[in-house]
């Protein structure tokens, strides 16, 4: 296996599993049939720009840099969002007057993995969650942005 194939396997693994250490990543690669050593895994992590994010279990786990991008939304949500509610697979965000379009544009730009699309007015954003993602789950994730960095 060449470097590109190995790094592709690493990206698939970190998207599918919560892997918190280089040893866990190396073990997952071994289970997938790839013979690697820790130094190779370390170099691949650096070259791929993997980052640590909070996984569903609460542990810090490896993630591809593109999957960490929605965290960039936290400051904007804290500045402009007033309420975040959900119904079915729709999340409704109310903002200060005049801020909805800019926040919706930023949400679309980040390519949030749970967001199919947005529609914005002057102070309201309707967010459509992707198939299989309950609106309540997306609502809770967006509400968490309001608390990030708060003392």
Protein backbone atom coordinates (compact mmCIF):
# COMPACT_ATOMS: atom_id res chain seq x y z
CA UNK A 1 0.00 0.00 0.00
CA UNK A 2 1.31 3.44 -0.87
CA UNK A 3 1.14 6.59 1.25
CA UNK A 4 -1.95 7.96 -0.51
CA UNK A 5 -3.91 4.74 0.03
CA UNK A 6 -2.82 4.57 3.68
CA UNK A 7 -3.79 8.17 4.32
CA UNK A 8 -7.14 7.59 2.62
CA UNK A 9 -7.70 4.65 4.97
CA UNK A 10 -6.82 6.87 7.95
CA UNK A 11 -9.35 9.51 6.89
CA UNK A 12 -12.06 6.85 6.51
CA UNK A 13 -11.23 5.39 9.93
CA UNK A 14 -11.35 8.70 11.80
CA UNK A 15 -14.70 9.48 10.17
CA UNK A 16 -16.14 6.07 11.13
CA UNK A 17 -14.59 5.48 14.56
CA UNK A 18 -13.64 7.48 17.63
CA UNK A 19 -9.86 7.06 17.76
CA UNK A 20 -8.15 9.05 20.49
CA UNK A 21 -4.51 7.97 20.28
CA UNK A 22 -1.91 7.07 17.70
CA UNK A 23 -1.91 3.54 19.13
CA UNK A 24 -5.67 3.23 18.61
CA UNK A 25 -5.32 4.51 15.06
CA UNK A 26 -2.46 2.09 14.33
CA UNK A 27 -4.52 -0.80 15.76
CA UNK A 28 -7.51 0.18 13.59
CA UNK A 29 -5.24 0.27 10.54
CA UNK A 30 -3.91 -3.19 11.43
CA UNK A 31 -7.49 -4.50 11.77
CA UNK A 32 -8.22 -3.06 8.34
CA UNK A 33 -5.27 -5.00 6.93
CA UNK A 34 -2.65 -2.23 6.79
CA UNK A 35 0.76 -2.95 8.30
CA UNK A 36 2.05 0.31 9.82
CA UNK A 37 4.34 1.43 12.61
CA UNK A 38 3.70 4.25 15.07
CA UNK A 39 6.18 6.64 13.45
CA UNK A 40 4.37 6.30 10.11
CA UNK A 41 1.02 6.97 11.81
CA UNK A 42 2.50 10.02 13.53
CA UNK A 43 3.81 11.42 10.23
CA UNK A 44 0.48 10.73 8.49
CA UNK A 45 -1.44 12.53 11.26
CA UNK A 46 0.79 15.58 10.79
CA UNK A 47 0.61 15.49 6.96
CA UNK A 48 -3.19 15.09 6.96
CA UNK A 49 -3.58 17.89 9.50
CA UNK A 50 -5.78 15.76 11.74
CA UNK A 51 -7.17 17.65 14.70
CA UNK A 52 -8.62 16.58 18.04
CA UNK A 53 -12.31 17.24 18.56
CA UNK A 54 -14.78 16.16 21.22
CA UNK A 55 -16.39 12.91 20.11
CA UNK A 56 -19.89 11.67 20.94
CA UNK A 57 -18.42 9.79 23.90
CA UNK A 58 -16.96 13.02 25.29
CA UNK A 59 -13.36 11.95 24.58
CA UNK A 60 -10.98 13.98 22.44
CA UNK A 61 -10.62 12.03 19.20
CA UNK A 62 -8.92 12.51 15.85
CA UNK A 63 -10.91 14.17 13.09
CA UNK A 64 -10.17 15.36 9.59
CA UNK A 65 -9.69 19.14 9.53
CA UNK A 66 -12.78 19.61 7.34
CA UNK A 67 -14.99 17.87 9.89
CA UNK A 68 -13.82 20.27 12.59
CA UNK A 69 -14.79 23.39 10.62
CA UNK A 70 -18.29 23.79 12.10
CA UNK A 71 -16.62 24.79 15.39
CA UNK A 72 -15.76 28.07 13.63
CA UNK A 73 -19.46 28.90 13.96
CA UNK A 74 -19.40 29.22 17.75
CA UNK A 75 -18.33 32.90 17.90
CA UNK A 76 -20.95 33.92 15.32
CA UNK A 77 -23.72 32.02 17.08
CA UNK A 78 -22.76 33.59 20.42
CA UNK A 79 -22.82 37.09 18.88
CA UNK A 80 -26.06 36.85 16.90
CA UNK A 81 -28.31 33.88 17.77
CA UNK A 82 -31.13 34.54 20.23
CA UNK A 83 -33.10 31.26 20.16
CA UNK A 84 -32.63 27.85 18.60
CA UNK A 85 -35.66 25.52 18.34
CA UNK A 86 -36.50 22.43 16.32
CA UNK A 87 -39.41 20.53 14.81
CA UNK A 88 -38.93 17.28 12.93
CA UNK A 89 -35.81 17.70 10.81
CA UNK A 90 -35.97 21.52 10.82
CA UNK A 91 -34.12 23.88 13.14
CA UNK A 92 -35.26 27.48 13.49
CA UNK A 93 -32.74 30.07 14.66
CA UNK A 94 -33.78 33.60 15.52
CA UNK A 95 -31.12 36.29 15.46
CA UNK A 96 -30.80 39.95 16.10
CA UNK A 97 -32.48 41.94 13.34
CA UNK A 98 -30.42 41.98 10.16
CA UNK A 99 -28.05 39.15 11.12
CA UNK A 100 -29.83 36.04 9.83
CA UNK A 101 -28.51 36.17 6.26
CA UNK A 102 -24.89 36.52 7.35
CA UNK A 103 -25.15 33.70 9.88
CA UNK A 104 -26.91 31.43 7.35
CA UNK A 105 -24.21 32.19 4.77
CA UNK A 106 -21.51 31.29 7.27
CA UNK A 107 -23.33 28.07 8.16
CA UNK A 108 -23.57 27.14 4.47
CA UNK A 109 -19.92 28.06 3.84
CA UNK A 110 -18.59 25.82 6.60
CA UNK A 111 -20.21 22.77 5.03
CA UNK A 112 -21.61 21.53 8.33
CA UNK A 113 -22.04 17.75 7.93
CA UNK A 114 -25.55 17.71 9.46
CA UNK A 115 -26.94 20.65 7.48
CA UNK A 116 -28.59 20.12 4.09
CA UNK A 117 -29.33 23.80 3.57
CA UNK A 118 -30.59 27.07 5.01
CA UNK A 119 -33.19 29.70 4.20
CA UNK A 120 -32.80 33.08 5.89
CA UNK A 121 -34.89 36.17 6.36
CA UNK A 122 -34.04 39.30 8.30
CA UNK A 123 -33.93 37.71 11.76
CA UNK A 124 -34.83 34.04 11.19
CA UNK A 125 -32.98 31.07 9.71
CA UNK A 126 -34.67 27.82 8.78
CA UNK A 127 -32.09 25.00 8.71
CA UNK A 128 -32.93 21.68 7.10
CA UNK A 129 -31.10 18.76 8.70
CA UNK A 130 -29.70 16.01 6.48
CA UNK A 131 -31.60 12.75 6.11
CA UNK A 132 -31.26 10.68 9.27
CA UNK A 133 -30.26 13.62 11.47
CA UNK A 134 -33.07 14.57 13.86
CA UNK A 135 -33.68 18.30 14.13
CA UNK A 136 -33.40 18.00 17.92
CA UNK A 137 -29.85 16.63 17.57
CA UNK A 138 -28.79 19.48 15.29
CA UNK A 139 -30.56 21.99 17.59
CA UNK A 140 -28.60 20.69 20.59
CA UNK A 141 -25.32 20.90 18.66
CA UNK A 142 -26.02 24.49 17.61
CA UNK A 143 -27.09 25.42 21.14
CA UNK A 144 -23.74 24.08 22.37
CA UNK A 145 -22.05 26.74 20.20
CA UNK A 146 -23.74 29.36 22.35
CA UNK A 147 -21.92 28.01 25.40
CA UNK A 148 -18.48 27.42 23.85
CA UNK A 149 -15.90 29.70 25.36
CA UNK A 150 -18.33 31.06 27.93
CA UNK A 151 -16.86 31.45 31.39
